[in-house]
Amino acid sequence: MTGDSSWPVLVMGLVLYLFRKRRGVQVAAFTVYYLLYGVVYMGFMDSQMPGFVWTQLFTIYYEIYGVLAAPLMLWYNGRRGKGHKALFYVFYPAHVYAFYALSWGLYLLLN
């Protein structure tokens, strides 16, 4: 099982907490963890499925895209923002659909 409450995501929370005082190390650990999780773990788990092809790691099993959060983590200054709440009600679904479209574009390009 993968998703927001799976054990790899909980471990990632622990990794982020352990390195909370050292931003560079935290982001490096986050990046390595998500690459291992997105390619190695998901590849191993999903390669057991009938009809699996490796390009599915970028289309159907999209956990690898979590690594795109690393640059945003480096920009965070530790302070709460001004609160553009309405912006994030639009941004979150928009970026999900954009990544979904990008993943299908890659899928069509690679197949």
PDB file of N, CA and C in Angstrom:
ATOM      1  N   MET A   1       0.838  -1.181   0.000  1.00  0.00           N
ATOM      2  CA  MET A   1       0.000   0.000   0.000  1.00  0.00           C
ATOM      3  C   MET A   1       0.882   1.243   0.000  1.00  0.00           C
ATOM      4  N   THR A   2       0.570   2.186  -0.865  1.00  0.00           N
ATOM      5  CA  THR A   2       1.270   3.464  -0.866  1.00  0.00           C
ATOM      6  C   THR A   2       0.252   4.562  -0.630  1.00  0.00           C
ATOM      7  N   GLY A   3       0.731   5.721  -0.359  1.00  0.00           N
ATOM      8  CA  GLY A   3      -0.174   6.846  -0.140  1.00  0.00           C
ATOM      9  C   GLY A   3       0.284   7.694   1.023  1.00  0.00           C
ATOM     10  N   ASP A   4      -0.570   8.596   1.440  1.00  0.00           N
ATOM     11  CA  ASP A   4      -0.213   9.548   2.483  1.00  0.00           C
ATOM     12  C   ASP A   4      -0.002   8.919   3.849  1.00  0.00           C
ATOM     13  N   SER A   5      -0.526   7.730   4.079  1.00  0.00           N
ATOM     14  CA  SER A   5      -0.391   7.129   5.404  1.00  0.00           C
ATOM     15  C   SER A   5       0.425   5.841   5.378  1.00  0.00           C
ATOM     16  N   SER A   6       1.178   5.617   4.331  1.00  0.00           N
ATOM     17  CA  SER A   6       1.976   4.393   4.248  1.00  0.00           C
ATOM     18  C   SER A   6       3.260   4.542   5.058  1.00  0.00           C
ATOM     19  N   TRP A   7       3.898   3.427   5.363  1.00  0.00           N
ATOM     20  CA  TRP A   7       5.084   3.477   6.211  1.00  0.00           C
ATOM     21  C   TRP A   7       6.229   4.265   5.580  1.00  0.00           C
ATOM     22  N   PRO A   8       6.464   4.248   4.254  1.00  0.00           N
ATOM     23  CA  PRO A   8       7.558   5.069   3.725  1.00  0.00           C
ATOM     24  C   PRO A   8       7.339   6.565   3.946  1.00  0.00           C
ATOM     25  N   VAL A   9       6.102   7.017   3.888  1.00  0.00           N
ATOM     26  CA  VAL A   9       5.819   8.427   4.103  1.00  0.00           C
ATOM     27  C   VAL A   9       6.018   8.784   5.577  1.00  0.00           C
ATOM     28  N   LEU A  10       5.656   7.891   6.467  1.00  0.00           N
ATOM     29  CA  LEU A  10       5.885   8.132   7.893  1.00  0.00           C
ATOM     30  C   LEU A  10       7.382   8.170   8.205  1.00  0.00           C
ATOM     31  N   VAL A  11       8.155   7.308   7.570  1.00  0.00           N
ATOM     32  CA  VAL A  11       9.614   7.329   7.754  1.00  0.00           C
ATOM     33  C   VAL A  11      10.181   8.645   7.237  1.00  0.00           C
ATOM     34  N   MET A  12       9.649   9.129   6.114  1.00  0.00           N
ATOM     35  CA  MET A  12      10.116  10.412   5.580  1.00  0.00           C
ATOM     36  C   MET A  12       9.864  11.531   6.575  1.00  0.00           C
ATOM     37  N   GLY A  13       8.738  11.519   7.250  1.00  0.00           N
ATOM     38  CA  GLY A  13       8.468  12.502   8.289  1.00  0.00           C
ATOM     39  C   GLY A  13       9.493  12.440   9.404  1.00  0.00           C
ATOM     40  N   LEU A  14       9.890  11.235   9.778  1.00  0.00           N
ATOM     41  CA  LEU A  14      10.918  11.062  10.805  1.00  0.00           C
ATOM     42  C   LEU A  14      12.267  11.604  10.326  1.00  0.00           C
ATOM     43  N   VAL A  15      12.612  11.340   9.073  1.00  0.00           N
ATOM     44  CA  VAL A  15      13.868  11.857   8.499  1.00  0.00           C
ATOM     45  C   VAL A  15      13.850  13.385   8.513  1.00  0.00           C
ATOM     46  N   LEU A  16      12.750  13.984   8.112  1.00  0.00           N
ATOM     47  CA  LEU A  16      12.656  15.450   8.123  1.00  0.00           C
ATOM     48  C   LEU A  16      12.797  16.000   9.543  1.00  0.00           C
ATOM     49  N   TYR A  17      12.196  15.321  10.496  1.00  0.00           N
ATOM     50  CA  TYR A  17      12.286  15.765  11.891  1.00  0.00           C
ATOM     51  C   TYR A  17      13.714  15.648  12.429  1.00  0.00           C
ATOM     52  N   LEU A  18      14.376  14.546  12.136  1.00  0.00           N
ATOM     53  CA  LEU A  18      15.726  14.328  12.646  1.00  0.00           C
ATOM     54  C   LEU A  18      16.717  15.380  12.150  1.00  0.00           C
ATOM     55  N   PHE A  19      16.528  15.864  10.933  1.00  0.00           N
ATOM     56  CA  PHE A  19      17.452  16.839  10.352  1.00  0.00           C
ATOM     57  C   PHE A  19      16.870  18.253  10.326  1.00  0.00           C
ATOM     58  N   ARG A  20      15.924  18.547  11.198  1.00  0.00           N
ATOM     59  CA  ARG A  20      15.221  19.824  11.168  1.00  0.00           C
ATOM     60  C   ARG A  20      16.125  21.021  11.434  1.00  0.00           C
ATOM     61  N   LYS A  21      17.232  20.841  12.110  1.00  0.00           N
ATOM     62  CA  LYS A  21      18.141  21.948  12.440  1.00  0.00           C
ATOM     63  C   LYS A  21      19.182  22.189  11.343  1.00  0.00           C
ATOM     64  N   ARG A  22      19.303  21.264  10.385  1.00  0.00           N
ATOM     65  CA  ARG A  22      20.315  21.376   9.329  1.00  0.00           C
ATOM     66  C   ARG A  22      19.620  21.266   7.976  1.00  0.00           C
ATOM     67  N   ARG A  23      19.220  22.401   7.432  1.00  0.00           N
ATOM     68  CA  ARG A  23      18.385  22.441   6.229  1.00  0.00           C
ATOM     69  C   ARG A  23      19.025  21.734   5.034  1.00  0.00           C
ATOM     70  N   GLY A  24      20.304  21.970   4.773  1.00  0.00           N
ATOM     71  CA  GLY A  24      20.964  21.342   3.636  1.00  0.00           C
ATOM     72  C   GLY A  24      20.974  19.829   3.737  1.00  0.00           C
ATOM     73  N   VAL A  25      21.297  19.321   4.917  1.00  0.00           N
ATOM     74  CA  VAL A  25      21.302  17.869   5.141  1.00  0.00           C
ATOM     75  C   VAL A  25      19.879  17.327   5.043  1.00  0.00           C
ATOM     76  N   GLN A  26      18.935  18.076   5.559  1.00  0.00           N
ATOM     77  CA  GLN A  26      17.535  17.661   5.510  1.00  0.00           C
ATOM     78  C   GLN A  26      17.059  17.513   4.062  1.00  0.00           C
ATOM     79  N   VAL A  27      17.366  18.491   3.234  1.00  0.00           N
ATOM     80  CA  VAL A  27      16.929  18.451   1.835  1.00  0.00           C
ATOM     81  C   VAL A  27      17.667  17.351   1.079  1.00  0.00           C
ATOM     82  N   ALA A  28      18.956  17.159   1.362  1.00  0.00           N
ATOM     83  CA  ALA A  28      19.705  16.075   0.715  1.00  0.00           C
ATOM     84  C   ALA A  28      19.127  14.717   1.104  1.00  0.00           C
ATOM     85  N   ALA A  29      18.833  14.532   2.391  1.00  0.00           N
ATOM     86  CA  ALA A  29      18.243  13.268   2.849  1.00  0.00           C
ATOM     87  C   ALA A  29      16.866  13.068   2.224  1.00  0.00           C
ATOM     88  N   PHE A  30      16.086  14.123   2.141  1.00  0.00           N
ATOM     89  CA  PHE A  30      14.766  14.067   1.515  1.00  0.00           C
ATOM     90  C   PHE A  30      14.888  13.637   0.050  1.00  0.00           C
ATOM     91  N   THR A  31      15.828  14.230  -0.677  1.00  0.00           N
ATOM     92  CA  THR A  31      16.016  13.922  -2.092  1.00  0.00           C
ATOM     93  C   THR A  31      16.436  12.479  -2.294  1.00  0.00           C
ATOM     94  N   VAL A  32      17.429  12.038  -1.536  1.00  0.00           N
ATOM     95  CA  VAL A  32      17.889  10.647  -1.655  1.00  0.00           C
ATOM     96  C   VAL A  32      16.770   9.690  -1.289  1.00  0.00           C
ATOM     97  N   TYR A  33      16.062   9.997  -0.215  1.00  0.00           N
ATOM     98  CA  TYR A  33      14.977   9.120   0.228  1.00  0.00           C
ATOM     99  C   TYR A  33      13.902   8.998  -0.842  1.00  0.00           C
ATOM    100  N   TYR A  34      13.492  10.129  -1.421  1.00  0.00           N
ATOM    101  CA  TYR A  34      12.435  10.061  -2.426  1.00  0.00           C
ATOM    102  C   TYR A  34      12.881   9.390  -3.705  1.00  0.00           C
ATOM    103  N   LEU A  35      14.155   9.534  -4.067  1.00  0.00           N
ATOM    104  CA  LEU A  35      14.654   8.809  -5.235  1.00  0.00           C
ATOM    105  C   LEU A  35      14.660   7.308  -4.966  1.00  0.00           C
ATOM    106  N   LEU A  36      15.117   6.923  -3.784  1.00  0.00           N
ATOM    107  CA  LEU A  36      15.099   5.500  -3.431  1.00  0.00           C
ATOM    108  C   LEU A  36      13.666   4.979  -3.337  1.00  0.00           C
ATOM    109  N   TYR A  37      12.806   5.755  -2.718  1.00  0.00           N
ATOM    110  CA  TYR A  37      11.415   5.350  -2.567  1.00  0.00           C
ATOM    111  C   TYR A  37      10.713   5.273  -3.921  1.00  0.00           C
ATOM    112  N   GLY A  38      10.898   6.305  -4.744  1.00  0.00           N
ATOM    113  CA  GLY A  38      10.195   6.369  -6.010  1.00  0.00           C
ATOM    114  C   GLY A  38      10.679   5.380  -7.046  1.00  0.00           C
ATOM    115  N   VAL A  39      11.973   5.074  -7.040  1.00  0.00           N
ATOM    116  CA  VAL A  39      12.508   4.175  -8.064  1.00  0.00           C
ATOM    117  C   VAL A  39      12.713   2.765  -7.518  1.00  0.00           C
ATOM    118  N   VAL A  40      13.471   2.643  -6.448  1.00  0.00           N
ATOM    119  CA  VAL A  40      13.821   1.312  -5.942  1.00  0.00           C
ATOM    120  C   VAL A  40      12.613   0.624  -5.302  1.00  0.00           C
ATOM    121  N   TYR A  41      12.030   1.262  -4.300  1.00  0.00           N
ATOM    122  CA  TYR A  41      10.917   0.632  -3.584  1.00  0.00           C
ATOM    123  C   TYR A  41       9.706   0.435  -4.487  1.00  0.00           C
ATOM    124  N   MET A  42       9.271   1.517  -5.134  1.00  0.00           N
ATOM    125  CA  MET A  42       8.089   1.397  -5.990  1.00  0.00           C
ATOM    126  C   MET A  42       8.374   0.488  -7.180  1.00  0.00           C
ATOM    127  N   GLY A  43       9.592   0.560  -7.728  1.00  0.00           N
ATOM    128  CA  GLY A  43       9.945  -0.321  -8.830  1.00  0.00           C
ATOM    129  C   GLY A  43       9.906  -1.774  -8.429  1.00  0.00           C
ATOM    130  N   PHE A  44      10.431  -2.075  -7.249  1.00  0.00           N
ATOM    131  CA  PHE A  44      10.411  -3.457  -6.769  1.00  0.00           C
ATOM    132  C   PHE A  44       8.987  -3.918  -6.506  1.00  0.00           C
ATOM    133  N   MET A  45       8.216  -3.091  -5.814  1.00  0.00           N
ATOM    134  CA  MET A  45       6.849  -3.479  -5.469  1.00  0.00           C
ATOM    135  C   MET A  45       5.986  -3.641  -6.723  1.00  0.00           C
ATOM    136  N   ASP A  46       6.095  -2.697  -7.619  1.00  0.00           N
ATOM    137  CA  ASP A  46       5.207  -2.707  -8.772  1.00  0.00           C
ATOM    138  C   ASP A  46       5.685  -3.623  -9.890  1.00  0.00           C
ATOM    139  N   SER A  47       6.969  -3.965  -9.896  1.00  0.00           N
ATOM    140  CA  SER A  47       7.454  -4.887 -10.929  1.00  0.00           C
ATOM    141  C   SER A  47       6.861  -6.281 -10.743  1.00  0.00           C
ATOM    142  N   GLN A  48       6.275  -6.526  -9.595  1.00  0.00           N
ATOM    143  CA  GLN A  48       5.606  -7.800  -9.339  1.00  0.00           C
ATOM    144  C   GLN A  48       4.231  -7.858 -10.003  1.00  0.00           C
ATOM    145  N   MET A  49       3.739  -6.712 -10.437  1.00  0.00           N
ATOM    146  CA  MET A  49       2.409  -6.637 -11.048  1.00  0.00           C
ATOM    147  C   MET A  49       2.477  -7.111 -12.498  1.00  0.00           C
ATOM    148  N   PRO A  50       1.471  -7.838 -12.954  1.00  0.00           N
ATOM    149  CA  PRO A  50       1.473  -8.268 -14.358  1.00  0.00           C
ATOM    150  C   PRO A  50       1.355  -7.067 -15.299  1.00  0.00           C
ATOM    151  N   GLY A  51       2.131  -7.076 -16.357  1.00  0.00           N
ATOM    152  CA  GLY A  51       2.086  -6.009 -17.347  1.00  0.00           C
ATOM    153  C   GLY A  51       2.850  -4.760 -16.957  1.00  0.00           C
ATOM    154  N   PHE A  52       3.647  -4.831 -15.913  1.00  0.00           N
ATOM    155  CA  PHE A  52       4.405  -3.665 -15.458  1.00  0.00           C
ATOM    156  C   PHE A  52       5.499  -3.306 -16.466  1.00  0.00           C
ATOM    157  N   VAL A  53       5.642  -2.019 -16.747  1.00  0.00           N
ATOM    158  CA  VAL A  53       6.777  -1.490 -17.503  1.00  0.00           C
ATOM    159  C   VAL A  53       7.346  -0.325 -16.696  1.00  0.00           C
ATOM    160  N   TRP A  54       8.648  -0.098 -16.807  1.00  0.00           N
ATOM    161  CA  TRP A  54       9.332   0.877 -15.957  1.00  0.00           C
ATOM    162  C   TRP A  54       8.869   2.302 -16.175  1.00  0.00           C
ATOM    163  N   THR A  55       8.331   2.611 -17.339  1.00  0.00           N
ATOM    164  CA  THR A  55       7.837   3.976 -17.553  1.00  0.00           C
ATOM    165  C   THR A  55       6.641   4.295 -16.669  1.00  0.00           C
ATOM    166  N   GLN A  56       6.003   3.265 -16.118  1.00  0.00           N
ATOM    167  CA  GLN A  56       4.874   3.497 -15.217  1.00  0.00           C
ATOM    168  C   GLN A  56       5.309   4.203 -13.930  1.00  0.00           C
ATOM    169  N   LEU A  57       6.603   4.165 -13.604  1.00  0.00           N
ATOM    170  CA  LEU A  57       7.080   4.880 -12.414  1.00  0.00           C
ATOM    171  C   LEU A  57       6.910   6.387 -12.579  1.00  0.00           C
ATOM    172  N   PHE A  58       6.719   6.854 -13.815  1.00  0.00           N
ATOM    173  CA  PHE A  58       6.549   8.281 -14.067  1.00  0.00           C
ATOM    174  C   PHE A  58       5.124   8.641 -14.463  1.00  0.00           C
ATOM    175  N   THR A  59       4.257   7.652 -14.576  1.00  0.00           N
ATOM    176  CA  THR A  59       2.883   7.925 -14.986  1.00  0.00           C
ATOM    177  C   THR A  59       1.890   7.449 -13.936  1.00  0.00           C
ATOM    178  N   ILE A  60       1.809   6.169 -13.739  1.00  0.00           N
ATOM    179  CA  ILE A  60       0.829   5.618 -12.800  1.00  0.00           C
ATOM    180  C   ILE A  60       1.333   5.699 -11.364  1.00  0.00           C
ATOM    181  N   TYR A  61       2.591   5.323 -11.146  1.00  0.00           N
ATOM    182  CA  TYR A  61       3.195   5.330  -9.814  1.00  0.00           C
ATOM    183  C   TYR A  61       4.102   6.553  -9.746  1.00  0.00           C
ATOM    184  N   TYR A  62       3.559   7.676  -9.384  1.00  0.00           N
ATOM    185  CA  TYR A  62       4.220   8.973  -9.541  1.00  0.00           C
ATOM    186  C   TYR A  62       4.933   9.462  -8.281  1.00  0.00           C
ATOM    187  N   GLU A  63       5.251   8.579  -7.360  1.00  0.00           N
ATOM    188  CA  GLU A  63       5.891   8.996  -6.115  1.00  0.00           C
ATOM    189  C   GLU A  63       7.233   9.689  -6.345  1.00  0.00           C
ATOM    190  N   ILE A  64       7.898   9.371  -7.449  1.00  0.00           N
ATOM    191  CA  ILE A  64       9.198   9.963  -7.767  1.00  0.00           C
ATOM    192  C   ILE A  64       9.120  11.488  -7.841  1.00  0.00           C
ATOM    193  N   TYR A  65       7.959  12.032  -8.181  1.00  0.00           N
ATOM    194  CA  TYR A  65       7.821  13.480  -8.322  1.00  0.00           C
ATOM    195  C   TYR A  65       7.874  14.215  -6.984  1.00  0.00           C
ATOM    196  N   GLY A  66       7.865  13.492  -5.895  1.00  0.00           N
ATOM    197  CA  GLY A  66       8.025  14.129  -4.586  1.00  0.00           C
ATOM    198  C   GLY A  66       9.347  14.854  -4.461  1.00  0.00           C
ATOM    199  N   VAL A  67      10.333  14.433  -5.239  1.00  0.00           N
ATOM    200  CA  VAL A  67      11.657  15.048  -5.194  1.00  0.00           C
ATOM    201  C   VAL A  67      11.619  16.504  -5.686  1.00  0.00           C
ATOM    202  N   LEU A  68      10.589  16.885  -6.418  1.00  0.00           N
ATOM    203  CA  LEU A  68      10.476  18.257  -6.910  1.00  0.00           C
ATOM    204  C   LEU A  68      10.214  19.260  -5.779  1.00  0.00           C
ATOM    205  N   ALA A  69       9.903  18.782  -4.601  1.00  0.00           N
ATOM    206  CA  ALA A  69       9.689  19.674  -3.464  1.00  0.00           C
ATOM    207  C   ALA A  69      11.002  20.154  -2.852  1.00  0.00           C
ATOM    208  N   ALA A  70      12.123  19.521  -3.174  1.00  0.00           N
ATOM    209  CA  ALA A  70      13.411  19.859  -2.556  1.00  0.00           C
ATOM    210  C   ALA A  70      13.802  21.323  -2.743  1.00  0.00           C
ATOM    211  N   PRO A  71      13.735  21.899  -3.949  1.00  0.00           N
ATOM    212  CA  PRO A  71      14.102  23.322  -4.070  1.00  0.00           C
ATOM    213  C   PRO A  71      13.213  24.236  -3.237  1.00  0.00           C
ATOM    214  N   LEU A  72      11.935  23.903  -3.126  1.00  0.00           N
ATOM    215  CA  LEU A  72      11.038  24.719  -2.312  1.00  0.00           C
ATOM    216  C   LEU A  72      11.415  24.648  -0.841  1.00  0.00           C
ATOM    217  N   MET A  73      11.892  23.497  -0.412  1.00  0.00           N
ATOM    218  CA  MET A  73      12.322  23.350   0.983  1.00  0.00           C
ATOM    219  C   MET A  73      13.532  24.229   1.271  1.00  0.00           C
ATOM    220  N   LEU A  74      14.415  24.382   0.288  1.00  0.00           N
ATOM    221  CA  LEU A  74      15.595  25.230   0.479  1.00  0.00           C
ATOM    222  C   LEU A  74      15.214  26.709   0.607  1.00  0.00           C
ATOM    223  N   TRP A  75      14.124  27.119  -0.020  1.00  0.00           N
ATOM    224  CA  TRP A  75      13.694  28.515   0.038  1.00  0.00           C
ATOM    225  C   TRP A  75      12.982  28.857   1.336  1.00  0.00           C
ATOM    226  N   TYR A  76      12.515  27.867   2.072  1.00  0.00           N
ATOM    227  CA  TYR A  76      11.749  28.130   3.288  1.00  0.00           C
ATOM    228  C   TYR A  76      12.641  28.748   4.357  1.00  0.00           C
ATOM    229  N   ASN A  77      12.209  29.852   4.940  1.00  0.00           N
ATOM    230  CA  ASN A  77      13.020  30.567   5.923  1.00  0.00           C
ATOM    231  C   ASN A  77      12.631  30.274   7.367  1.00  0.00           C
ATOM    232  N   GLY A  78      11.696  29.364   7.589  1.00  0.00           N
ATOM    233  CA  GLY A  78      11.318  28.993   8.943  1.00  0.00           C
ATOM    234  C   GLY A  78      10.211  29.842   9.537  1.00  0.00           C
ATOM    235  N   ARG A  79       9.731  30.835   8.806  1.00  0.00           N
ATOM    236  CA  ARG A  79       8.678  31.711   9.325  1.00  0.00           C
ATOM    237  C   ARG A  79       7.372  31.477   8.568  1.00  0.00           C
ATOM    238  N   ARG A  80       6.295  31.678   9.263  1.00  0.00           N
ATOM    239  CA  ARG A  80       4.977  31.551   8.642  1.00  0.00           C
ATOM    240  C   ARG A  80       4.766  32.684   7.645  1.00  0.00           C
ATOM    241  N   GLY A  81       4.135  32.340   6.524  1.00  0.00           N
ATOM    242  CA  GLY A  81       3.883  33.331   5.486  1.00  0.00           C
ATOM    243  C   GLY A  81       2.738  34.267   5.821  1.00  0.00           C
ATOM    244  N   LYS A  82       2.458  35.159   4.907  1.00  0.00           N
ATOM    245  CA  LYS A  82       1.415  36.165   5.120  1.00  0.00           C
ATOM    246  C   LYS A  82       0.013  35.580   5.013  1.00  0.00           C
ATOM    247  N   GLY A  83      -0.123  34.382   4.478  1.00  0.00           N
ATOM    248  CA  GLY A  83      -1.421  33.732   4.448  1.00  0.00           C
ATOM    249  C   GLY A  83      -2.226  33.990   3.196  1.00  0.00           C
ATOM    250  N   HIS A  84      -1.749  33.536   2.081  1.00  0.00           N
ATOM    251  CA  HIS A  84      -2.484  33.641   0.817  1.00  0.00           C
ATOM    252  C   HIS A  84      -3.329  32.384   0.649  1.00  0.00           C
ATOM    253  N   LYS A  85      -4.290  32.255   1.529  1.00  0.00           N
ATOM    254  CA  LYS A  85      -5.096  31.038   1.610  1.00  0.00           C
ATOM    255  C   LYS A  85      -5.813  30.731   0.295  1.00  0.00           C
ATOM    256  N   ALA A  86      -6.422  31.710  -0.319  1.00  0.00           N
ATOM    257  CA  ALA A  86      -7.173  31.489  -1.558  1.00  0.00           C
ATOM    258  C   ALA A  86      -6.262  31.001  -2.675  1.00  0.00           C
ATOM    259  N   LEU A  87      -5.048  31.518  -2.723  1.00  0.00           N
ATOM    260  CA  LEU A  87      -4.091  31.091  -3.744  1.00  0.00           C
ATOM    261  C   LEU A  87      -3.843  29.588  -3.664  1.00  0.00           C
ATOM    262  N   PHE A  88      -3.704  29.060  -2.484  1.00  0.00           N
ATOM    263  CA  PHE A  88      -3.389  27.648  -2.332  1.00  0.00           C
ATOM    264  C   PHE A  88      -4.594  26.748  -2.584  1.00  0.00           C
ATOM    265  N   TYR A  89      -5.796  27.291  -2.459  1.00  0.00           N
ATOM    266  CA  TYR A  89      -6.972  26.516  -2.845  1.00  0.00           C
ATOM    267  C   TYR A  89      -7.003  26.309  -4.356  1.00  0.00           C
ATOM    268  N   VAL A  90      -6.365  27.188  -5.101  1.00  0.00           N
ATOM    269  CA  VAL A  90      -6.262  27.043  -6.549  1.00  0.00           C
ATOM    270  C   VAL A  90      -4.973  26.299  -6.908  1.00  0.00           C
ATOM    271  N   PHE A  91      -3.869  26.663  -6.259  1.00  0.00           N
ATOM    272  CA  PHE A  91      -2.569  26.092  -6.604  1.00  0.00           C
ATOM    273  C   PHE A  91      -2.515  24.584  -6.418  1.00  0.00           C
ATOM    274  N   TYR A  92      -3.007  24.088  -5.305  1.00  0.00           N
ATOM    275  CA  TYR A  92      -2.876  22.654  -5.039  1.00  0.00           C
ATOM    276  C   TYR A  92      -3.545  21.801  -6.113  1.00  0.00           C
ATOM    277  N   PRO A  93      -4.822  21.989  -6.407  1.00  0.00           N
ATOM    278  CA  PRO A  93      -5.404  21.153  -7.469  1.00  0.00           C
ATOM    279  C   PRO A  93      -4.776  21.426  -8.833  1.00  0.00           C
ATOM    280  N   ALA A  94      -4.380  22.674  -9.102  1.00  0.00           N
ATOM    281  CA  ALA A  94      -3.781  22.985 -10.402  1.00  0.00           C
ATOM    282  C   ALA A  94      -2.460  22.248 -10.585  1.00  0.00           C
ATOM    283  N   HIS A  95      -1.624  22.211  -9.558  1.00  0.00           N
ATOM    284  CA  HIS A  95      -0.338  21.535  -9.723  1.00  0.00           C
ATOM    285  C   HIS A  95      -0.512  20.017  -9.798  1.00  0.00           C
ATOM    286  N   VAL A  96      -1.509  19.483  -9.120  1.00  0.00           N
ATOM    287  CA  VAL A  96      -1.775  18.050  -9.227  1.00  0.00           C
ATOM    288  C   VAL A  96      -2.167  17.695 -10.658  1.00  0.00           C
ATOM    289  N   TYR A  97      -3.063  18.475 -11.241  1.00  0.00           N
ATOM    290  CA  TYR A  97      -3.475  18.209 -12.620  1.00  0.00           C
ATOM    291  C   TYR A  97      -2.331  18.455 -13.600  1.00  0.00           C
ATOM    292  N   ALA A  98      -1.497  19.456 -13.336  1.00  0.00           N
ATOM    293  CA  ALA A  98      -0.355  19.721 -14.224  1.00  0.00           C
ATOM    294  C   ALA A  98       0.623  18.553 -14.205  1.00  0.00           C
ATOM    295  N   PHE A  99       0.931  18.027 -13.027  1.00  0.00           N
ATOM    296  CA  PHE A  99       1.835  16.878 -12.953  1.00  0.00           C
ATOM    297  C   PHE A  99       1.202  15.634 -13.570  1.00  0.00           C
ATOM    298  N   TYR A 100      -0.087  15.486 -13.423  1.00  0.00           N
ATOM    299  CA  TYR A 100      -0.785  14.364 -14.042  1.00  0.00           C
ATOM    300  C   TYR A 100      -0.661  14.450 -15.560  1.00  0.00           C
ATOM    301  N   ALA A 101      -0.878  15.637 -16.113  1.00  0.00           N
ATOM    302  CA  ALA A 101      -0.753  15.828 -17.562  1.00  0.00           C
ATOM    303  C   ALA A 101       0.684  15.604 -18.009  1.00  0.00           C
ATOM    304  N   LEU A 102       1.649  16.090 -17.234  1.00  0.00           N
ATOM    305  CA  LEU A 102       3.062  15.876 -17.560  1.00  0.00           C
ATOM    306  C   LEU A 102       3.400  14.394 -17.546  1.00  0.00           C
ATOM    307  N   SER A 103       2.899  13.668 -16.582  1.00  0.00           N
ATOM    308  CA  SER A 103       3.195  12.239 -16.503  1.00  0.00           C
ATOM    309  C   SER A 103       2.626  11.495 -17.698  1.00  0.00           C
ATOM    310  N   TRP A 104       1.429  11.858 -18.123  1.00  0.00           N
ATOM    311  CA  TRP A 104       0.857  11.201 -19.305  1.00  0.00           C
ATOM    312  C   TRP A 104       1.584  11.613 -20.570  1.00  0.00           C
ATOM    313  N   GLY A 105       2.046  12.850 -20.618  1.00  0.00           N
ATOM    314  CA  GLY A 105       2.854  13.279 -21.761  1.00  0.00           C
ATOM    315  C   GLY A 105       4.137  12.475 -21.868  1.00  0.00           C
ATOM    316  N   LEU A 106       4.788  12.250 -20.732  1.00  0.00           N
ATOM    317  CA  LEU A 106       5.993  11.403 -20.722  1.00  0.00           C
ATOM    318  C   LEU A 106       5.665   9.977 -21.104  1.00  0.00           C
ATOM    319  N   TYR A 107       4.553   9.489 -20.612  1.00  0.00           N
ATOM    320  CA  TYR A 107       4.137   8.138 -20.945  1.00  0.00           C
ATOM    321  C   TYR A 107       3.929   7.972 -22.452  1.00  0.00           C
ATOM    322  N   LEU A 108       3.234   8.915 -23.053  1.00  0.00           N
ATOM    323  CA  LEU A 108       2.990   8.846 -24.496  1.00  0.00           C
ATOM    324  C   LEU A 108       4.284   9.002 -25.296  1.00  0.00           C
ATOM    325  N   LEU A 109       5.184   9.831 -24.785  1.00  0.00           N
ATOM    326  CA  LEU A 109       6.463  10.029 -25.466  1.00  0.00           C
ATOM    327  C   LEU A 109       7.343   8.786 -25.405  1.00  0.00           C
ATOM    328  N   LEU A 110       7.329   8.110 -24.262  1.00  0.00           N
ATOM    329  CA  LEU A 110       8.206   6.951 -24.063  1.00  0.00           C
ATOM    330  C   LEU A 110       7.625   5.652 -24.556  1.00  0.00           C
ATOM    331  N   ASN A 111       6.349   5.618 -24.888  1.00  0.00           N
ATOM    332  CA  ASN A 111       5.724   4.370 -25.375  1.00  0.00           C
ATOM    333  C   ASN A 111       5.339   4.464 -26.810  1.00  0.00           C
TER     334      ASN A 111
END
